[in-house]
């Protein structure tokens, strides 16, 4: 128990605090978008926002794990900077290609939502923001590899949400439309990105890295690709599984329906934010324990955090089940129609937390092939079910498709992790240990309060 308390006092408390602030800002951002512009305009803005977040993740897909792998045993400051520079350029050019593809898709009316010039302008605004933040996320990934996980949240989630909040307030007070909201948002995001760049550059020079370059081998782009590409496909499919239902809805749903599903989906991520924070925290530790052959340590360290993650996700899920309609009413009467969608999306996160960080374990233990097969199966389930269910049931169909894909992913990953490493987090004994961890944590807090 002392180990978990020590862990919280050092690094994980920063990740948790950052995710809490990010969650609050996300809620406030969604609320202000819903209140400052019409539901139809909110659908265009929030769907474009989702595309921007997905493109940033796609551009840097795999770089988190690649940086961790490349620098796991490297102590040369020159090599660290070289990896960061080349990875940043790789991600930036990738983001340019992705933005051009998205612009072409909208130009040829592949998305009904972008038929008007106003809607396309909103989309292009978010594509500009994608280019701004894509390479900065590489710096954030680097600091995450140094077990400074909060950098990821402050650089994108917190920064963009804060910029969105300020932009929405300005639009609300001046009674403007989504066009001005997009312009204000671009300007504020630029200043956020510039601030992140300055802070990261300062922190990079302050990191205690040895300057001994005897064993330094200059990395080239070919080697960068060699390290990154094996993780890129996995990260891409994970994005599809997590957000595919909401993303593919743009091919069928109207602006108003997309506004409802966007709010429901973003709110549901609050259920899993603790789980995501712990996965980021555990990734470098899992890699190190695996290299040392300490499989039992992977299970022992993970289960403590899973206990907290499960307690939080279940608590949040139940709050949405019983008070979801009241929470959605805050955004407006129209948004209450997405109550069932919110519950289904939230349950997806409960399942992911319950089975544990299986994807992270497989990624960091050289089991990429098995993970890829599992994710391909899950993505196939989502794509096929979306094509069938969204035209029939709209947003509810999209949510059900995500649930089916999540179930497929959890089951297949659980089987693979058990077969390869003998690790299971969902047995009776594991659940018993989780309860013990939680009770011990509560007892320690009670003792501290009495003192």
Protein backbone atom coordinates (compact mmCIF):
# COMPACT_ATOMS: atom_id res chain seq x y z
CA UNK A 1 0.00 0.00 0.00
CA UNK A 2 2.93 2.32 0.70
CA UNK A 3 4.07 1.90 -2.90
CA UNK A 4 0.80 3.13 -4.36
CA UNK A 5 0.73 6.13 -2.01
CA UNK A 6 4.30 6.98 -2.99
CA UNK A 7 3.35 6.68 -6.66
CA UNK A 8 0.47 9.10 -6.21
CA UNK A 9 2.66 11.60 -4.44
CA UNK A 10 5.19 11.60 -7.28
CA UNK A 11 3.87 11.37 -10.82
CA UNK A 12 0.37 10.00 -11.03
CA UNK A 13 -1.10 12.80 -8.95
CA UNK A 14 0.01 15.19 -11.70
CA UNK A 15 -1.69 13.06 -14.35
CA UNK A 16 -4.89 12.71 -12.33
CA UNK A 17 -5.02 16.40 -11.49
CA UNK A 18 -4.47 17.29 -15.14
CA UNK A 19 -7.21 14.93 -16.28
CA UNK A 20 -9.62 16.33 -13.68
CA UNK A 21 -8.99 19.87 -14.87
CA UNK A 22 -9.25 18.72 -18.48
CA UNK A 23 -12.56 17.00 -17.74
CA UNK A 24 -13.99 20.12 -16.09
CA UNK A 25 -12.87 22.32 -18.97
CA UNK A 26 -14.29 19.85 -21.49
CA UNK A 27 -17.66 19.95 -19.73
CA UNK A 28 -17.57 23.75 -19.63
CA UNK A 29 -16.50 23.90 -23.28
CA UNK A 30 -19.39 21.69 -24.40
CA UNK A 31 -21.84 23.68 -22.28
CA UNK A 32 -20.73 27.02 -23.73
CA UNK A 33 -20.80 25.72 -27.31
CA UNK A 34 -24.36 24.48 -26.80
CA UNK A 35 -25.41 27.77 -25.22
CA UNK A 36 -23.54 30.27 -27.39
CA UNK A 37 -24.67 29.04 -30.85
CA UNK A 38 -27.65 27.20 -32.32
CA UNK A 39 -27.92 23.40 -32.18
CA UNK A 40 -27.35 23.18 -35.93
CA UNK A 41 -24.20 25.30 -35.74
CA UNK A 42 -23.06 23.32 -32.69
CA UNK A 43 -23.30 20.14 -34.75
CA UNK A 44 -20.96 21.58 -37.39
CA UNK A 45 -18.54 22.99 -34.82
CA UNK A 46 -18.37 19.94 -32.53
CA UNK A 47 -18.09 17.43 -35.36
CA UNK A 48 -15.25 19.49 -36.85
CA UNK A 49 -13.68 19.60 -33.39
CA UNK A 50 -13.85 15.80 -33.23
CA UNK A 51 -12.22 15.51 -36.65
CA UNK A 52 -9.42 17.84 -35.52
CA UNK A 53 -8.73 15.77 -32.41
CA UNK A 54 -8.73 12.56 -34.47
CA UNK A 55 -6.39 13.97 -37.11
CA UNK A 56 -3.91 15.10 -34.46
CA UNK A 57 -3.98 11.62 -32.94
CA UNK A 58 -3.59 9.98 -36.36
CA UNK A 59 -0.66 12.22 -37.31
CA UNK A 60 1.24 11.22 -34.20
CA UNK A 61 -0.12 7.67 -34.08
CA UNK A 62 2.54 5.34 -32.71
CA UNK A 63 5.03 8.06 -31.77
CA UNK A 64 4.37 7.66 -28.02
CA UNK A 65 5.49 4.06 -28.02
CA UNK A 66 8.21 4.63 -30.62
CA UNK A 67 9.83 7.39 -28.54
CA UNK A 68 9.68 5.24 -25.42
CA UNK A 69 11.31 2.33 -27.26
CA UNK A 70 14.01 4.46 -28.89
CA UNK A 71 15.03 6.29 -25.73
CA UNK A 72 14.54 3.49 -23.19
CA UNK A 73 18.28 2.94 -22.83
CA UNK A 74 19.65 6.16 -24.38
CA UNK A 75 21.23 8.83 -22.20
CA UNK A 76 22.78 11.08 -24.82
CA UNK A 77 21.23 14.55 -24.91
CA UNK A 78 22.09 14.83 -28.61
CA UNK A 79 20.29 11.59 -29.39
CA UNK A 80 17.23 12.65 -27.41
CA UNK A 81 16.98 15.91 -29.34
CA UNK A 82 17.61 14.18 -32.63
CA UNK A 83 14.74 11.72 -32.05
CA UNK A 84 12.39 14.56 -31.11
CA UNK A 85 13.31 16.69 -34.13
CA UNK A 86 12.91 13.93 -36.68
CA UNK A 87 9.71 12.61 -35.16
CA UNK A 88 8.26 16.14 -35.09
CA UNK A 89 8.98 16.63 -38.79
CA UNK A 90 7.52 13.22 -39.59
CA UNK A 91 4.33 14.01 -37.71
CA UNK A 92 4.00 17.50 -39.21
CA UNK A 93 4.22 16.23 -42.80
CA UNK A 94 1.82 13.42 -41.96
CA UNK A 95 -0.68 15.94 -40.60
CA UNK A 96 -0.40 17.96 -43.84
CA UNK A 97 -1.32 14.88 -45.87
CA UNK A 98 -4.24 14.04 -43.57
CA UNK A 99 -5.58 17.59 -43.69
CA UNK A 100 -5.41 17.64 -47.49
CA UNK A 101 -7.32 14.35 -47.64
CA UNK A 102 -10.01 15.70 -45.31
CA UNK A 103 -10.27 18.93 -47.33
CA UNK A 104 -10.74 16.95 -50.54
CA UNK A 105 -13.41 14.75 -48.96
CA UNK A 106 -15.38 17.79 -47.88
CA UNK A 107 -14.88 19.49 -51.26
CA UNK A 108 -16.44 16.50 -53.06
CA UNK A 109 -19.36 16.48 -50.55
CA UNK A 110 -18.53 13.14 -48.95
CA UNK A 111 -19.95 14.58 -45.71
CA UNK A 112 -23.47 16.07 -46.01
CA UNK A 113 -22.70 18.34 -43.08
CA UNK A 114 -20.12 20.30 -45.13
CA UNK A 115 -22.27 21.23 -48.12
CA UNK A 116 -22.44 24.91 -47.16
CA UNK A 117 -19.52 27.36 -47.41
CA UNK A 118 -19.91 28.27 -43.74
CA UNK A 119 -19.56 24.63 -42.66
CA UNK A 120 -16.49 24.14 -44.86
CA UNK A 121 -14.90 27.28 -43.38
CA UNK A 122 -15.39 25.85 -39.89
CA UNK A 123 -13.75 22.61 -40.99
CA UNK A 124 -10.77 24.40 -42.58
CA UNK A 125 -10.32 26.37 -39.37
CA UNK A 126 -9.95 23.16 -37.43
CA UNK A 127 -7.54 21.77 -40.04
CA UNK A 128 -5.29 24.77 -39.37
CA UNK A 129 -5.41 23.98 -35.66
CA UNK A 130 -4.50 20.37 -36.49
CA UNK A 131 -1.29 21.53 -38.16
CA UNK A 132 -0.47 23.77 -35.21
CA UNK A 133 -0.79 21.08 -32.56
CA UNK A 134 0.43 17.97 -34.38
CA UNK A 135 4.16 18.51 -33.92
CA UNK A 136 3.75 19.98 -30.43
CA UNK A 137 2.21 16.68 -29.37
CA UNK A 138 5.52 15.01 -30.18
CA UNK A 139 7.20 17.13 -27.53
CA UNK A 140 4.40 16.14 -25.17
CA UNK A 141 5.00 12.47 -26.04
CA UNK A 142 8.66 12.90 -25.22
CA UNK A 143 7.95 14.25 -21.75
CA UNK A 144 5.46 11.44 -21.28
CA UNK A 145 8.28 9.00 -22.05
CA UNK A 146 10.20 10.62 -19.20
CA UNK A 147 7.26 9.74 -16.90
CA UNK A 148 6.01 13.33 -17.02
CA UNK A 149 2.58 12.26 -18.22
CA UNK A 150 0.85 15.52 -17.49
CA UNK A 151 2.50 17.11 -20.53
CA UNK A 152 0.09 15.31 -22.87
CA UNK A 153 -2.96 16.73 -21.13
CA UNK A 154 -1.72 20.28 -20.72
CA UNK A 155 -0.51 20.58 -24.29
CA UNK A 156 -3.66 19.52 -26.13
CA UNK A 157 -6.65 18.65 -23.96
CA UNK A 158 -6.34 21.50 -21.50
CA UNK A 159 -4.97 24.05 -23.93
CA UNK A 160 -7.59 23.52 -26.63
CA UNK A 161 -10.45 23.29 -24.14
CA UNK A 162 -9.33 26.52 -22.48
CA UNK A 163 -9.13 28.26 -25.86
CA UNK A 164 -12.59 26.95 -26.71
CA UNK A 165 -14.05 28.21 -23.44
CA UNK A 166 -12.70 31.73 -23.96
CA UNK A 167 -13.83 31.81 -27.60
CA UNK A 168 -17.34 30.65 -26.66
CA UNK A 169 -17.64 33.28 -23.94
CA UNK A 170 -16.68 36.00 -26.41
CA UNK A 171 -19.23 34.76 -28.95
CA UNK A 172 -21.95 34.43 -26.30
CA UNK A 173 -21.44 37.94 -24.93
CA UNK A 174 -21.34 39.52 -28.40
CA UNK A 175 -24.17 37.34 -29.77
CA UNK A 176 -22.14 36.13 -32.78
CA UNK A 177 -22.37 32.98 -34.90
CA UNK A 178 -20.17 29.92 -35.51
CA UNK A 179 -18.06 31.77 -38.09
CA UNK A 180 -16.68 34.15 -35.47
CA UNK A 181 -16.37 31.32 -32.98
CA UNK A 182 -14.06 29.49 -35.40
CA UNK A 183 -11.92 32.60 -36.00
CA UNK A 184 -11.54 33.32 -32.28
CA UNK A 185 -10.76 29.67 -31.67
CA UNK A 186 -7.92 29.63 -34.24
CA UNK A 187 -6.32 32.76 -32.77
CA UNK A 188 -6.48 31.48 -29.19
CA UNK A 189 -5.20 28.02 -30.15
CA UNK A 190 -2.22 29.66 -31.85
CA UNK A 191 -1.28 31.44 -28.61
CA UNK A 192 -1.78 28.23 -26.61
CA UNK A 193 0.48 26.33 -29.01
CA UNK A 194 3.12 29.06 -28.87
CA UNK A 195 3.06 28.97 -25.08
CA UNK A 196 3.44 25.18 -25.07
CA UNK A 197 6.37 25.41 -27.48
CA UNK A 198 8.20 27.92 -25.29
CA UNK A 199 7.56 25.94 -22.10
CA UNK A 200 8.59 22.61 -23.65
CA UNK A 201 11.76 24.11 -25.11
CA UNK A 202 12.70 25.48 -21.70
CA UNK A 203 11.97 22.16 -19.99
CA UNK A 204 13.93 20.26 -22.63
CA UNK A 205 17.10 22.18 -21.82
CA UNK A 206 16.56 21.62 -18.10
CA UNK A 207 16.19 17.84 -18.22
CA UNK A 208 19.02 15.97 -16.44
CA UNK A 209 20.28 14.04 -19.51
CA UNK A 210 23.92 13.05 -19.79
CA UNK A 211 25.93 14.67 -22.57
CA UNK A 212 28.18 11.68 -23.17
CA UNK A 213 27.86 10.88 -26.87
CA UNK A 214 30.35 8.01 -27.21
CA UNK A 215 27.64 5.54 -28.21
CA UNK A 216 25.58 8.02 -30.21
CA UNK A 217 24.40 6.82 -33.60
CA UNK A 218 22.62 9.47 -35.61
CA UNK A 219 19.08 8.40 -36.41
CA UNK A 220 17.61 8.94 -39.85
CA UNK A 221 14.03 9.13 -41.10
CA UNK A 222 14.15 5.53 -42.24
CA UNK A 223 14.87 4.39 -38.72
CA UNK A 224 12.19 6.71 -37.37
CA UNK A 225 9.69 5.03 -39.69
CA UNK A 226 10.95 1.61 -38.64
CA UNK A 227 10.19 2.38 -35.00
CA UNK A 228 6.92 4.23 -35.60
CA UNK A 229 5.03 2.26 -38.26
CA UNK A 230 4.47 -0.92 -36.19
CA UNK A 231 2.55 1.17 -33.67
CA UNK A 232 0.81 3.43 -36.21
CA UNK A 233 -1.65 0.79 -37.43
CA UNK A 234 -2.54 -0.09 -33.84
CA UNK A 235 -3.06 3.53 -32.82
CA UNK A 236 -5.15 4.14 -35.96
CA UNK A 237 -7.44 1.18 -35.30
CA UNK A 238 -7.76 2.15 -31.62
CA UNK A 239 -9.01 5.58 -32.69
CA UNK A 240 -11.54 3.95 -35.01
CA UNK A 241 -12.74 1.62 -32.24
CA UNK A 242 -13.04 4.37 -29.66
CA UNK A 243 -14.50 7.11 -31.87
CA UNK A 244 -15.61 5.26 -35.01
CA UNK A 245 -19.30 5.31 -34.16
CA UNK A 246 -19.36 9.07 -33.60
CA UNK A 247 -17.06 9.77 -36.55
CA UNK A 248 -18.89 7.64 -39.12
CA UNK A 249 -22.17 9.29 -38.14
CA UNK A 250 -21.13 12.24 -40.29
CA UNK A 251 -21.95 10.24 -43.41
CA UNK A 252 -25.64 9.93 -42.47
CA UNK A 253 -26.77 12.24 -39.65
CA UNK A 254 -27.90 15.86 -39.80
CA UNK A 255 -26.19 18.78 -38.07
CA UNK A 256 -28.61 18.65 -35.13
CA UNK A 257 -28.16 14.89 -34.68
CA UNK A 258 -24.38 15.30 -34.81
CA UNK A 259 -24.58 17.95 -32.10
CA UNK A 260 -26.43 15.52 -29.83
CA UNK A 261 -24.06 12.63 -30.44
CA UNK A 262 -20.99 14.87 -30.09
CA UNK A 263 -22.07 16.10 -26.65
CA UNK A 264 -23.00 12.59 -25.52
CA UNK A 265 -19.71 11.12 -26.72
CA UNK A 266 -17.56 13.84 -25.15
CA UNK A 267 -19.39 13.52 -21.85
CA UNK A 268 -18.93 9.74 -21.89
CA UNK A 269 -15.15 10.15 -22.05
CA UNK A 270 -15.32 11.54 -18.51
CA UNK A 271 -16.10 7.98 -17.39
CA UNK A 272 -12.78 6.74 -18.74
CA UNK A 273 -10.44 9.66 -18.09
CA UNK A 274 -8.95 8.00 -14.98
CA UNK A 275 -8.36 4.81 -16.96
CA UNK A 276 -6.62 6.71 -19.78
CA UNK A 277 -4.41 8.57 -17.29
CA UNK A 278 -3.31 5.32 -15.67
CA UNK A 279 -2.60 3.67 -19.03
CA UNK A 280 -0.26 6.54 -19.93
CA UNK A 281 1.37 6.27 -16.52
CA UNK A 282 1.88 2.51 -16.74
CA UNK A 283 3.23 2.31 -20.32
CA UNK A 284 6.91 3.12 -19.54
CA UNK A 285 6.82 0.96 -16.39
CA UNK A 286 5.34 -2.02 -18.24
CA UNK A 287 8.07 -1.77 -20.89
CA UNK A 288 10.81 -1.74 -18.27
CA UNK A 289 9.34 -4.65 -16.27
CA UNK A 290 8.92 -6.69 -19.44
CA UNK A 291 12.53 -6.13 -20.49
CA UNK A 292 13.58 -7.43 -17.06
CA UNK A 293 11.27 -10.44 -17.34
CA UNK A 294 9.18 -9.41 -14.33
CA UNK A 295 5.71 -10.34 -15.59
CA UNK A 296 4.31 -10.62 -12.09
CA UNK A 297 5.32 -7.02 -11.40
CA UNK A 298 3.26 -5.87 -14.38
CA UNK A 299 0.18 -7.46 -12.82
CA UNK A 300 0.92 -6.29 -9.28
CA UNK A 301 1.54 -2.65 -10.22
CA UNK A 302 -1.41 -2.48 -12.62
CA UNK A 303 -4.06 -4.00 -10.39
CA UNK A 304 -3.73 -1.26 -7.80
CA UNK A 305 -4.47 1.42 -10.34
CA UNK A 306 -7.21 -0.65 -11.97
CA UNK A 307 -9.03 -0.80 -8.64
CA UNK A 308 -9.20 2.99 -8.50
CA UNK A 309 -10.05 3.24 -12.20
CA UNK A 310 -12.93 0.76 -11.86
CA UNK A 311 -14.36 2.49 -8.81
CA UNK A 312 -14.31 5.82 -10.61
CA UNK A 313 -15.70 4.57 -13.95
CA UNK A 314 -18.55 2.67 -12.29
CA UNK A 315 -19.39 5.68 -10.13
CA UNK A 316 -19.45 8.01 -13.13
CA UNK A 317 -21.47 5.55 -15.17
CA UNK A 318 -24.14 5.25 -12.45
CA UNK A 319 -24.31 9.03 -12.15
CA UNK A 320 -25.07 9.24 -15.88
CA UNK A 321 -27.65 6.44 -15.60
CA UNK A 322 -29.58 8.16 -12.80
CA UNK A 323 -28.88 11.84 -13.52
CA UNK A 324 -27.98 11.80 -17.22
CA UNK A 325 -31.14 13.53 -18.39
CA UNK A 326 -30.69 16.29 -15.81
CA UNK A 327 -27.05 16.77 -16.87
CA UNK A 328 -28.00 16.93 -20.55
CA UNK A 329 -30.74 19.45 -19.78
CA UNK A 330 -27.96 21.87 -18.80
CA UNK A 331 -26.94 21.96 -22.46
CA UNK A 332 -30.49 22.49 -23.68
CA UNK A 333 -33.76 20.59 -24.04
CA UNK A 334 -32.77 19.13 -27.41
CA UNK A 335 -29.75 17.42 -25.88
CA UNK A 336 -31.91 15.32 -23.55
CA UNK A 337 -32.72 13.18 -26.57
CA UNK A 338 -29.17 11.80 -26.43
CA UNK A 339 -29.60 10.23 -22.96
CA UNK A 340 -29.54 6.63 -24.22
CA UNK A 341 -26.54 7.40 -26.43
CA UNK A 342 -24.70 8.82 -23.41
CA UNK A 343 -25.38 5.70 -21.32
CA UNK A 344 -24.22 3.32 -24.07
CA UNK A 345 -21.02 5.26 -24.80
CA UNK A 346 -20.31 5.44 -21.04
CA UNK A 347 -20.72 1.69 -20.62
CA UNK A 348 -18.01 1.18 -23.26
CA UNK A 349 -15.54 2.87 -20.91
CA UNK A 350 -16.70 0.77 -17.97
CA UNK A 351 -15.88 -2.38 -19.93
CA UNK A 352 -12.43 -1.12 -20.95
CA UNK A 353 -11.56 -0.22 -17.39
CA UNK A 354 -12.91 -3.53 -16.02
CA UNK A 355 -10.64 -5.72 -18.15
CA UNK A 356 -7.62 -3.48 -17.50
CA UNK A 357 -4.95 -1.81 -19.70
CA UNK A 358 -4.72 -4.83 -22.00
CA UNK A 359 -3.89 -2.84 -25.12
CA UNK A 360 -1.07 -1.03 -23.32
CA UNK A 361 0.30 -4.32 -21.99
CA UNK A 362 0.31 -5.96 -25.41
CA UNK A 363 1.87 -2.89 -27.01
CA UNK A 364 4.70 -2.61 -24.50
CA UNK A 365 5.46 -6.36 -24.33
CA UNK A 366 6.25 -6.99 -28.02
CA UNK A 367 2.87 -8.60 -28.75
CA UNK A 368 1.90 -6.20 -31.51
CA UNK A 369 0.88 -8.91 -33.96
CA UNK A 370 -1.74 -10.35 -31.61
CA UNK A 371 -2.99 -6.89 -30.72
CA UNK A 372 -3.31 -5.91 -34.39
CA UNK A 373 -5.40 -9.00 -35.17
CA UNK A 374 -7.71 -8.26 -32.23
CA UNK A 375 -8.12 -4.63 -33.23
CA UNK A 376 -8.78 -5.47 -36.88
CA UNK A 377 -11.59 -7.76 -35.77
CA UNK A 378 -13.03 -5.03 -33.56
CA UNK A 379 -12.78 -2.39 -36.29
CA UNK A 380 -14.51 -4.72 -38.74
CA UNK A 381 -17.36 -5.16 -36.25
CA UNK A 382 -17.71 -1.39 -35.86
CA UNK A 383 -17.61 -0.60 -39.58
CA UNK A 384 -20.11 -3.29 -40.53
CA UNK A 385 -22.49 -2.49 -37.68
CA UNK A 386 -22.29 1.28 -38.38
CA UNK A 387 -23.27 0.74 -42.00
CA UNK A 388 -26.28 -1.27 -40.87
CA UNK A 389 -27.35 0.45 -37.64
CA UNK A 390 -26.74 4.19 -38.18
CA UNK A 391 -29.12 4.53 -41.17
CA UNK A 392 -31.75 2.61 -39.17
CA UNK A 393 -31.36 3.98 -35.64
CA UNK A 394 -29.29 7.15 -36.04
CA UNK A 395 -27.15 8.15 -33.05
CA UNK A 396 -28.30 5.15 -31.01
CA UNK A 397 -27.08 2.89 -33.81
CA UNK A 398 -23.68 4.59 -33.71
CA UNK A 399 -23.46 4.06 -29.95
CA UNK A 400 -24.45 0.39 -30.24
CA UNK A 401 -21.80 -0.08 -32.95
CA UNK A 402 -19.15 1.32 -30.60
CA UNK A 403 -20.36 -1.00 -27.85
CA UNK A 404 -20.12 -4.06 -30.10
CA UNK A 405 -16.61 -3.08 -31.17
CA UNK A 406 -15.55 -2.47 -27.56
CA UNK A 407 -16.87 -5.87 -26.45
CA UNK A 408 -14.99 -7.57 -29.28
CA UNK A 409 -11.77 -5.75 -28.40
CA UNK A 410 -12.00 -6.48 -24.67
CA UNK A 411 -12.71 -10.18 -25.14
CA UNK A 412 -9.99 -10.79 -27.74
CA UNK A 413 -7.37 -8.75 -25.85
CA UNK A 414 -8.20 -10.53 -22.59
CA UNK A 415 -7.71 -13.92 -24.24
CA UNK A 416 -4.39 -12.85 -25.80
CA UNK A 417 -2.95 -11.33 -22.61
CA UNK A 418 -3.94 -14.40 -20.60
CA UNK A 419 -2.42 -16.76 -23.17
CA UNK A 420 0.83 -14.82 -23.68
CA UNK A 421 1.53 -13.46 -20.19
CA UNK A 422 -0.89 -15.23 -17.86
CA UNK A 423 -2.30 -11.89 -16.63
CA UNK A 424 -6.00 -11.50 -15.80
CA UNK A 425 -7.70 -8.63 -14.00
CA UNK A 426 -11.28 -9.89 -14.05
CA UNK A 427 -11.10 -13.11 -12.02
CA UNK A 428 -12.61 -13.44 -8.55
CA UNK A 429 -9.19 -13.19 -6.91
CA UNK A 430 -8.31 -10.08 -8.91
CA UNK A 431 -11.58 -8.40 -7.98
CA UNK A 432 -10.97 -9.36 -4.37
CA UNK A 433 -7.52 -7.75 -4.48
CA UNK A 434 -9.01 -4.61 -6.01
CA UNK A 435 -11.50 -4.33 -3.17
CA UNK A 436 -8.69 -4.80 -0.65
CA UNK A 437 -6.63 -2.07 -2.34
CA UNK A 438 -9.56 0.34 -2.21
CA UNK A 439 -10.37 -0.46 1.43
CA UNK A 440 -6.72 0.00 2.42
CA UNK A 441 -6.60 3.31 0.63
CA UNK A 442 -9.75 4.48 2.44
CA UNK A 443 -8.39 3.32 5.81
CA UNK A 444 -5.11 5.15 5.27
CA UNK A 445 -7.01 8.35 4.47
CA UNK A 446 -9.13 7.94 7.61
CA UNK A 447 -6.01 7.50 9.73
CA UNK A 448 -4.46 10.62 8.22
CA UNK A 449 -7.62 12.61 8.95
CA UNK A 450 -7.65 11.48 12.58
CA UNK A 451 -4.03 12.55 12.99
